[in-house]
């Protein structure tokens, strides 16, 4: 469990990290360097889930041996599928990271949502729904590995 105690906000006890695949931890279907190492570092603290429509049909092979649960969703109502997955885990225990339109509901409803603007861009809806915006997945994952950075970003007052 990852405990985030943000000044002037409620304490968050996060048990699950949900990551989108393409545009978030991968570019053009290939994992971004540094991601696997960080997932391995985080996996003793949180259960890592990757939820994807798998546009490039590479998620299964790319994540082989990585300590995460992979969920490939269909082409219909992807935003709802991602949200329902998180609801089954308990939204108050979920930190979500994504960039696309199909991540918007998940980023909005999770205890903490991080939107990424990387090579594949980000949807404006997801950008507005997130609590934090990062320009690199490794920076986003480092926020969890070094929670004092999150405190500096999220505290008010």
N, C-alpha and C. Protein backbone atom coordinates (compact mmCIF):
# COMPACT_ATOMS: atom_id res chain seq x y z
N UNK A 1 0.85 -1.17 0.00
CA UNK A 1 0.00 0.00 0.00
C UNK A 1 0.89 1.24 0.00
N UNK A 2 0.46 2.23 -0.73
CA UNK A 2 1.16 3.50 -0.82
C UNK A 2 0.33 4.54 -0.08
N UNK A 3 0.91 5.11 0.96
CA UNK A 3 0.21 6.11 1.76
C UNK A 3 0.70 7.50 1.36
N UNK A 4 -0.23 8.32 0.88
CA UNK A 4 0.10 9.68 0.50
C UNK A 4 -0.60 10.64 1.46
N UNK A 5 0.19 11.36 2.21
CA UNK A 5 -0.34 12.32 3.18
C UNK A 5 -0.02 13.72 2.65
N UNK A 6 -0.98 14.29 1.95
CA UNK A 6 -0.81 15.60 1.32
C UNK A 6 -1.31 16.69 2.26
N UNK A 7 -0.48 17.68 2.57
CA UNK A 7 -0.91 18.75 3.47
C UNK A 7 -2.21 19.42 2.99
N UNK A 8 -3.11 19.67 3.92
CA UNK A 8 -4.41 20.31 3.69
C UNK A 8 -5.33 19.51 2.78
N UNK A 9 -5.08 18.21 2.64
CA UNK A 9 -5.94 17.30 1.89
C UNK A 9 -6.08 16.04 2.71
N UNK A 10 -6.98 15.17 2.28
CA UNK A 10 -7.14 13.91 3.00
C UNK A 10 -6.01 12.95 2.64
N UNK A 11 -5.75 12.02 3.57
CA UNK A 11 -4.73 11.01 3.34
C UNK A 11 -5.26 9.98 2.34
N UNK A 12 -4.41 9.59 1.39
CA UNK A 12 -4.79 8.59 0.39
C UNK A 12 -4.03 7.30 0.66
N UNK A 13 -4.76 6.20 0.71
CA UNK A 13 -4.16 4.89 0.85
C UNK A 13 -4.39 4.15 -0.46
N UNK A 14 -3.37 4.13 -1.29
CA UNK A 14 -3.50 3.59 -2.64
C UNK A 14 -2.99 2.15 -2.69
N UNK A 15 -3.82 1.28 -3.24
CA UNK A 15 -3.45 -0.13 -3.37
C UNK A 15 -3.24 -0.54 -4.82
N UNK A 16 -3.76 0.24 -5.77
CA UNK A 16 -3.72 -0.13 -7.18
C UNK A 16 -3.22 1.02 -8.04
N UNK A 17 -2.37 0.69 -8.99
CA UNK A 17 -1.89 1.63 -10.00
C UNK A 17 -2.38 1.12 -11.35
N UNK A 18 -3.24 1.90 -12.00
CA UNK A 18 -3.74 1.53 -13.32
C UNK A 18 -3.04 2.38 -14.36
N UNK A 19 -2.43 1.71 -15.32
CA UNK A 19 -1.70 2.38 -16.40
C UNK A 19 -2.33 2.05 -17.74
N UNK A 20 -2.48 3.04 -18.58
CA UNK A 20 -2.82 2.82 -19.98
C UNK A 20 -1.54 2.32 -20.66
N UNK A 21 -1.66 1.72 -21.82
CA UNK A 21 -0.48 1.21 -22.51
C UNK A 21 0.02 2.20 -23.56
N UNK A 22 -0.62 2.26 -24.73
CA UNK A 22 -0.15 3.12 -25.82
C UNK A 22 -0.34 4.59 -25.47
N UNK A 23 0.73 5.34 -25.62
CA UNK A 23 0.69 6.77 -25.29
C UNK A 23 1.04 7.05 -23.85
N UNK A 24 1.06 5.99 -23.02
CA UNK A 24 1.34 6.17 -21.59
C UNK A 24 2.62 5.46 -21.18
N UNK A 25 2.65 4.14 -21.26
CA UNK A 25 3.89 3.42 -20.93
C UNK A 25 4.60 2.91 -22.19
N UNK A 26 3.96 3.10 -23.34
CA UNK A 26 4.53 2.66 -24.61
C UNK A 26 4.29 3.72 -25.68
N UNK A 27 5.21 3.75 -26.64
CA UNK A 27 5.06 4.60 -27.83
C UNK A 27 5.08 3.67 -29.04
N UNK A 28 4.07 3.79 -29.87
CA UNK A 28 3.96 2.93 -31.05
C UNK A 28 4.05 1.45 -30.69
N UNK A 29 3.50 1.09 -29.52
CA UNK A 29 3.46 -0.30 -29.10
C UNK A 29 4.72 -0.82 -28.43
N UNK A 30 5.73 0.02 -28.24
CA UNK A 30 6.99 -0.40 -27.62
C UNK A 30 7.15 0.29 -26.26
N UNK A 31 7.46 -0.49 -25.23
CA UNK A 31 7.64 0.08 -23.90
C UNK A 31 8.70 1.17 -23.90
N UNK A 32 8.43 2.22 -23.16
CA UNK A 32 9.35 3.33 -23.02
C UNK A 32 10.46 2.90 -22.05
N UNK A 33 11.74 3.17 -22.41
CA UNK A 33 12.83 2.79 -21.51
C UNK A 33 12.65 3.35 -20.11
N UNK A 34 12.92 2.53 -19.10
CA UNK A 34 12.81 2.93 -17.71
C UNK A 34 11.51 2.53 -17.05
N UNK A 35 10.49 2.22 -17.84
CA UNK A 35 9.17 1.89 -17.29
C UNK A 35 9.19 0.57 -16.52
N UNK A 36 9.78 -0.45 -17.10
CA UNK A 36 9.78 -1.77 -16.44
C UNK A 36 10.48 -1.69 -15.09
N UNK A 37 11.62 -1.03 -15.04
CA UNK A 37 12.35 -0.88 -13.78
C UNK A 37 11.47 -0.22 -12.72
N UNK A 38 10.75 0.81 -13.09
CA UNK A 38 9.91 1.52 -12.12
C UNK A 38 8.71 0.68 -11.70
N UNK A 39 8.12 -0.05 -12.63
CA UNK A 39 7.01 -0.94 -12.26
C UNK A 39 7.52 -1.99 -11.27
N UNK A 40 8.70 -2.52 -11.52
CA UNK A 40 9.28 -3.50 -10.61
C UNK A 40 9.51 -2.90 -9.22
N UNK A 41 9.95 -1.65 -9.16
CA UNK A 41 10.16 -0.97 -7.88
C UNK A 41 8.84 -0.71 -7.16
N UNK A 42 7.79 -0.41 -7.91
CA UNK A 42 6.49 -0.09 -7.31
C UNK A 42 5.69 -1.32 -6.93
N UNK A 43 5.92 -2.44 -7.59
CA UNK A 43 5.06 -3.61 -7.41
C UNK A 43 4.99 -4.16 -5.98
N UNK A 44 6.01 -3.99 -5.12
CA UNK A 44 5.81 -4.43 -3.74
C UNK A 44 4.85 -3.53 -2.95
N UNK A 45 4.64 -2.31 -3.44
CA UNK A 45 3.79 -1.35 -2.72
C UNK A 45 2.36 -1.31 -3.24
N UNK A 46 2.19 -1.47 -4.55
CA UNK A 46 0.86 -1.40 -5.17
C UNK A 46 0.74 -2.51 -6.21
N UNK A 47 -0.49 -2.92 -6.47
CA UNK A 47 -0.74 -3.86 -7.55
C UNK A 47 -0.85 -3.05 -8.83
N UNK A 48 -0.04 -3.41 -9.82
CA UNK A 48 0.01 -2.67 -11.07
C UNK A 48 -0.89 -3.36 -12.10
N UNK A 49 -1.75 -2.57 -12.73
CA UNK A 49 -2.67 -3.04 -13.75
C UNK A 49 -2.42 -2.23 -15.02
N UNK A 50 -2.40 -2.90 -16.16
CA UNK A 50 -2.33 -2.21 -17.44
C UNK A 50 -3.62 -2.53 -18.18
N UNK A 51 -4.38 -1.48 -18.51
CA UNK A 51 -5.65 -1.64 -19.22
C UNK A 51 -5.50 -0.95 -20.57
N UNK A 52 -5.78 -1.69 -21.64
CA UNK A 52 -5.51 -1.16 -22.96
C UNK A 52 -6.44 -1.74 -24.01
N UNK A 53 -6.69 -0.96 -25.05
CA UNK A 53 -7.37 -1.47 -26.23
C UNK A 53 -6.34 -2.13 -27.15
N UNK A 54 -5.07 -2.00 -26.82
CA UNK A 54 -3.95 -2.64 -27.51
C UNK A 54 -3.94 -2.36 -29.01
N UNK A 55 -3.95 -1.09 -29.34
CA UNK A 55 -3.99 -0.62 -30.72
C UNK A 55 -2.94 -1.28 -31.61
N UNK A 56 -1.75 -1.48 -31.07
CA UNK A 56 -0.65 -2.05 -31.85
C UNK A 56 -0.48 -3.56 -31.65
N UNK A 57 -1.39 -4.18 -30.90
CA UNK A 57 -1.36 -5.63 -30.65
C UNK A 57 0.00 -6.10 -30.13
N UNK A 58 0.58 -5.31 -29.23
CA UNK A 58 1.90 -5.65 -28.71
C UNK A 58 1.97 -5.72 -27.19
N UNK A 59 0.89 -5.37 -26.50
CA UNK A 59 0.94 -5.28 -25.04
C UNK A 59 1.34 -6.60 -24.39
N UNK A 60 0.75 -7.69 -24.82
CA UNK A 60 1.03 -8.99 -24.21
C UNK A 60 2.52 -9.35 -24.32
N UNK A 61 3.09 -9.18 -25.49
CA UNK A 61 4.51 -9.53 -25.66
C UNK A 61 5.42 -8.53 -24.95
N UNK A 62 5.08 -7.26 -24.99
CA UNK A 62 5.91 -6.25 -24.34
C UNK A 62 5.91 -6.38 -22.81
N UNK A 63 4.80 -6.84 -22.24
CA UNK A 63 4.68 -6.92 -20.78
C UNK A 63 5.00 -8.31 -20.23
N UNK A 64 5.44 -9.21 -21.07
CA UNK A 64 5.79 -10.55 -20.62
C UNK A 64 6.89 -10.46 -19.56
N UNK A 65 6.63 -11.04 -18.40
CA UNK A 65 7.60 -11.03 -17.31
C UNK A 65 7.55 -9.79 -16.43
N UNK A 66 6.75 -8.81 -16.79
CA UNK A 66 6.62 -7.58 -16.00
C UNK A 66 5.57 -7.84 -14.91
N UNK A 67 5.84 -7.44 -13.66
CA UNK A 67 4.89 -7.71 -12.58
C UNK A 67 3.65 -6.81 -12.65
N UNK A 68 2.72 -7.20 -13.52
CA UNK A 68 1.48 -6.44 -13.67
C UNK A 68 0.39 -7.36 -14.17
N UNK A 69 -0.85 -6.91 -14.01
CA UNK A 69 -2.01 -7.59 -14.56
C UNK A 69 -2.39 -6.86 -15.84
N UNK A 70 -2.51 -7.59 -16.94
CA UNK A 70 -2.87 -6.99 -18.21
C UNK A 70 -4.34 -7.26 -18.51
N UNK A 71 -5.09 -6.21 -18.84
CA UNK A 71 -6.48 -6.31 -19.24
C UNK A 71 -6.64 -5.65 -20.60
N UNK A 72 -6.95 -6.46 -21.61
CA UNK A 72 -7.18 -5.91 -22.94
C UNK A 72 -8.68 -5.77 -23.13
N UNK A 73 -9.10 -4.56 -23.48
CA UNK A 73 -10.52 -4.27 -23.61
C UNK A 73 -10.90 -4.21 -25.09
N UNK A 74 -12.19 -4.33 -25.36
CA UNK A 74 -12.70 -4.28 -26.72
C UNK A 74 -12.74 -2.88 -27.28
N UNK A 75 -13.30 -2.75 -28.46
CA UNK A 75 -13.32 -1.47 -29.15
C UNK A 75 -14.52 -0.60 -28.78
N UNK A 76 -15.51 -1.15 -28.08
CA UNK A 76 -16.69 -0.39 -27.71
C UNK A 76 -16.62 0.11 -26.27
N UNK A 77 -17.05 1.33 -26.05
CA UNK A 77 -17.17 1.92 -24.71
C UNK A 77 -15.92 1.68 -23.86
N UNK A 78 -14.79 2.01 -24.42
CA UNK A 78 -13.52 1.79 -23.73
C UNK A 78 -13.42 2.60 -22.44
N UNK A 79 -13.94 3.82 -22.46
CA UNK A 79 -13.89 4.65 -21.26
C UNK A 79 -14.68 4.00 -20.12
N UNK A 80 -15.83 3.44 -20.44
CA UNK A 80 -16.65 2.76 -19.43
C UNK A 80 -15.98 1.49 -18.95
N UNK A 81 -15.35 0.75 -19.85
CA UNK A 81 -14.66 -0.49 -19.48
C UNK A 81 -13.53 -0.21 -18.50
N UNK A 82 -12.78 0.84 -18.74
CA UNK A 82 -11.68 1.20 -17.84
C UNK A 82 -12.22 1.64 -16.48
N UNK A 83 -13.28 2.45 -16.50
CA UNK A 83 -13.88 2.91 -15.25
C UNK A 83 -14.45 1.73 -14.45
N UNK A 84 -15.15 0.84 -15.10
CA UNK A 84 -15.73 -0.32 -14.40
C UNK A 84 -14.64 -1.20 -13.79
N UNK A 85 -13.55 -1.38 -14.49
CA UNK A 85 -12.43 -2.14 -13.95
C UNK A 85 -11.95 -1.51 -12.64
N UNK A 86 -11.77 -0.19 -12.65
CA UNK A 86 -11.31 0.52 -11.46
C UNK A 86 -12.35 0.49 -10.35
N UNK A 87 -13.61 0.59 -10.70
CA UNK A 87 -14.67 0.52 -9.69
C UNK A 87 -14.63 -0.82 -8.97
N UNK A 88 -14.35 -1.89 -9.68
CA UNK A 88 -14.25 -3.21 -9.06
C UNK A 88 -13.09 -3.30 -8.08
N UNK A 89 -12.07 -2.48 -8.27
CA UNK A 89 -10.93 -2.44 -7.36
C UNK A 89 -11.19 -1.52 -6.17
N UNK A 90 -12.10 -0.57 -6.35
CA UNK A 90 -12.38 0.45 -5.34
C UNK A 90 -11.70 1.75 -5.72
N UNK A 91 -12.45 2.68 -6.26
CA UNK A 91 -11.88 3.92 -6.81
C UNK A 91 -11.01 4.69 -5.82
N UNK A 92 -11.35 4.65 -4.55
CA UNK A 92 -10.58 5.40 -3.54
C UNK A 92 -9.20 4.82 -3.31
N UNK A 93 -8.95 3.63 -3.86
CA UNK A 93 -7.66 2.96 -3.68
C UNK A 93 -6.85 2.93 -4.98
N UNK A 94 -7.30 3.71 -5.99
CA UNK A 94 -6.69 3.64 -7.33
C UNK A 94 -6.02 4.95 -7.71
N UNK A 95 -4.80 4.83 -8.21
CA UNK A 95 -4.12 5.92 -8.89
C UNK A 95 -4.08 5.51 -10.36
N UNK A 96 -4.52 6.40 -11.24
CA UNK A 96 -4.60 6.09 -12.67
C UNK A 96 -3.70 7.02 -13.47
N UNK A 97 -3.10 6.45 -14.53
CA UNK A 97 -2.25 7.23 -15.42
C UNK A 97 -2.67 6.93 -16.85
N UNK A 98 -2.95 7.98 -17.62
CA UNK A 98 -3.36 7.79 -19.00
C UNK A 98 -3.22 9.07 -19.79
N UNK A 99 -3.63 9.01 -21.07
CA UNK A 99 -3.50 10.19 -21.93
C UNK A 99 -4.65 10.36 -22.92
N UNK A 100 -5.40 9.30 -23.20
CA UNK A 100 -6.39 9.36 -24.27
C UNK A 100 -7.79 9.67 -23.79
N UNK A 101 -8.68 9.89 -24.74
CA UNK A 101 -10.10 10.12 -24.42
C UNK A 101 -10.67 8.97 -23.62
N UNK A 102 -10.23 7.75 -23.92
CA UNK A 102 -10.78 6.60 -23.20
C UNK A 102 -10.26 6.49 -21.76
N UNK A 103 -9.37 7.39 -21.35
CA UNK A 103 -8.88 7.43 -19.98
C UNK A 103 -9.56 8.51 -19.14
N UNK A 104 -10.34 9.35 -19.76
CA UNK A 104 -10.90 10.53 -19.08
C UNK A 104 -11.71 10.18 -17.84
N UNK A 105 -12.67 9.29 -17.96
CA UNK A 105 -13.50 8.92 -16.79
C UNK A 105 -12.66 8.32 -15.68
N UNK A 106 -11.72 7.48 -16.04
CA UNK A 106 -10.84 6.85 -15.07
C UNK A 106 -10.01 7.89 -14.33
N UNK A 107 -9.42 8.82 -15.06
CA UNK A 107 -8.62 9.87 -14.44
C UNK A 107 -9.45 10.76 -13.53
N UNK A 108 -10.68 11.01 -13.92
CA UNK A 108 -11.57 11.87 -13.15
C UNK A 108 -12.04 11.20 -11.86
N UNK A 109 -12.34 9.91 -11.91
CA UNK A 109 -12.97 9.23 -10.78
C UNK A 109 -11.98 8.56 -9.83
N UNK A 110 -10.77 8.27 -10.27
CA UNK A 110 -9.78 7.62 -9.41
C UNK A 110 -9.40 8.55 -8.25
N UNK A 111 -8.85 7.99 -7.20
CA UNK A 111 -8.40 8.81 -6.07
C UNK A 111 -7.39 9.85 -6.53
N UNK A 112 -6.56 9.47 -7.49
CA UNK A 112 -5.58 10.39 -8.04
C UNK A 112 -5.39 10.04 -9.52
N UNK A 113 -5.47 11.05 -10.38
CA UNK A 113 -5.31 10.84 -11.82
C UNK A 113 -4.16 11.66 -12.37
N UNK A 114 -3.31 11.00 -13.15
CA UNK A 114 -2.19 11.68 -13.79
C UNK A 114 -2.34 11.55 -15.30
N UNK A 115 -2.37 12.68 -15.98
CA UNK A 115 -2.43 12.69 -17.44
C UNK A 115 -1.03 12.95 -17.98
N UNK A 116 -0.69 12.23 -19.04
CA UNK A 116 0.62 12.40 -19.67
C UNK A 116 0.49 13.04 -21.04
N UNK A 117 1.40 13.97 -21.31
CA UNK A 117 1.51 14.56 -22.63
C UNK A 117 2.88 14.17 -23.15
N UNK A 118 2.91 13.07 -23.90
CA UNK A 118 4.17 12.57 -24.44
C UNK A 118 4.10 12.61 -25.96
N UNK A 119 4.80 11.73 -26.63
CA UNK A 119 4.88 11.74 -28.09
C UNK A 119 3.53 11.56 -28.77
N UNK A 120 2.62 10.82 -28.15
CA UNK A 120 1.31 10.58 -28.76
C UNK A 120 0.28 11.62 -28.32
N UNK A 121 0.70 12.61 -27.57
CA UNK A 121 -0.19 13.68 -27.15
C UNK A 121 -1.15 13.24 -26.06
N UNK A 122 -2.12 14.10 -25.78
CA UNK A 122 -3.13 13.82 -24.76
C UNK A 122 -4.44 14.48 -25.18
N UNK A 123 -5.54 13.85 -24.81
CA UNK A 123 -6.83 14.47 -25.10
C UNK A 123 -7.08 15.60 -24.10
N UNK A 124 -7.72 16.64 -24.57
CA UNK A 124 -8.03 17.78 -23.71
C UNK A 124 -8.94 17.34 -22.56
N UNK A 125 -9.87 16.44 -22.84
CA UNK A 125 -10.77 15.96 -21.79
C UNK A 125 -10.00 15.27 -20.67
N UNK A 126 -9.04 14.43 -21.01
CA UNK A 126 -8.25 13.75 -20.00
C UNK A 126 -7.35 14.73 -19.26
N UNK A 127 -6.83 15.68 -19.97
CA UNK A 127 -6.00 16.72 -19.36
C UNK A 127 -6.79 17.46 -18.28
N UNK A 128 -8.02 17.82 -18.59
CA UNK A 128 -8.85 18.55 -17.63
C UNK A 128 -9.35 17.68 -16.48
N UNK A 129 -9.45 16.38 -16.70
CA UNK A 129 -9.97 15.47 -15.67
C UNK A 129 -8.91 15.08 -14.65
N UNK A 130 -7.64 15.21 -14.99
CA UNK A 130 -6.54 14.75 -14.14
C UNK A 130 -6.25 15.71 -13.00
N UNK A 131 -5.62 15.17 -11.96
CA UNK A 131 -5.15 15.97 -10.83
C UNK A 131 -3.75 16.53 -11.10
N UNK A 132 -2.98 15.79 -11.89
CA UNK A 132 -1.59 16.14 -12.19
C UNK A 132 -1.35 15.90 -13.68
N UNK A 133 -0.46 16.69 -14.27
CA UNK A 133 -0.04 16.49 -15.65
C UNK A 133 1.48 16.35 -15.65
N UNK A 134 1.97 15.34 -16.36
CA UNK A 134 3.40 15.12 -16.52
C UNK A 134 3.71 15.00 -18.00
N UNK A 135 4.98 15.21 -18.33
CA UNK A 135 5.40 15.09 -19.73
C UNK A 135 6.24 13.85 -19.98
N UNK A 136 6.39 13.00 -18.97
CA UNK A 136 7.17 11.77 -19.12
C UNK A 136 6.65 10.73 -18.13
N UNK A 137 6.43 9.52 -18.61
CA UNK A 137 5.92 8.45 -17.75
C UNK A 137 6.88 8.17 -16.60
N UNK A 138 8.17 8.23 -16.85
CA UNK A 138 9.12 7.96 -15.78
C UNK A 138 9.03 9.01 -14.68
N UNK A 139 8.78 10.26 -15.05
CA UNK A 139 8.57 11.30 -14.04
C UNK A 139 7.30 11.02 -13.25
N UNK A 140 6.25 10.58 -13.93
CA UNK A 140 4.99 10.27 -13.24
C UNK A 140 5.18 9.12 -12.25
N UNK A 141 5.86 8.07 -12.67
CA UNK A 141 6.09 6.94 -11.77
C UNK A 141 7.03 7.32 -10.63
N UNK A 142 7.97 8.20 -10.91
CA UNK A 142 8.87 8.67 -9.85
C UNK A 142 8.12 9.46 -8.77
N UNK A 143 7.00 10.08 -9.13
CA UNK A 143 6.19 10.75 -8.11
C UNK A 143 5.74 9.76 -7.04
N UNK A 144 5.49 8.53 -7.44
CA UNK A 144 5.07 7.50 -6.49
C UNK A 144 6.25 6.93 -5.71
N UNK A 145 7.38 6.84 -6.38
CA UNK A 145 8.58 6.32 -5.72
C UNK A 145 9.18 7.35 -4.76
N UNK A 146 8.89 8.61 -5.00
CA UNK A 146 9.39 9.71 -4.16
C UNK A 146 8.20 10.61 -3.80
N UNK A 147 7.37 10.15 -2.86
CA UNK A 147 6.10 10.85 -2.56
C UNK A 147 6.24 12.30 -2.12
N UNK A 148 7.42 12.71 -1.66
CA UNK A 148 7.58 14.12 -1.29
C UNK A 148 7.36 15.03 -2.50
N UNK A 149 7.61 14.52 -3.70
CA UNK A 149 7.35 15.30 -4.91
C UNK A 149 5.85 15.52 -5.08
N UNK A 150 5.06 14.50 -4.77
CA UNK A 150 3.60 14.65 -4.85
C UNK A 150 3.11 15.69 -3.85
N UNK A 151 3.67 15.68 -2.67
CA UNK A 151 3.28 16.68 -1.66
C UNK A 151 3.51 18.08 -2.18
N UNK A 152 4.65 18.28 -2.81
CA UNK A 152 4.96 19.62 -3.33
C UNK A 152 4.02 20.02 -4.45
N UNK A 153 3.56 19.05 -5.24
CA UNK A 153 2.69 19.34 -6.37
C UNK A 153 1.25 19.56 -5.93
N UNK A 154 0.77 18.81 -4.96
CA UNK A 154 -0.66 18.81 -4.62
C UNK A 154 -1.06 19.64 -3.41
N UNK A 155 -0.13 20.04 -2.59
CA UNK A 155 -0.53 20.78 -1.38
C UNK A 155 -1.09 22.14 -1.77
N UNK A 156 -2.02 22.59 -0.96
CA UNK A 156 -2.54 23.94 -1.15
C UNK A 156 -2.50 24.65 0.18
N UNK A 157 -1.91 25.79 0.20
CA UNK A 157 -1.83 26.56 1.44
C UNK A 157 -0.63 26.23 2.26
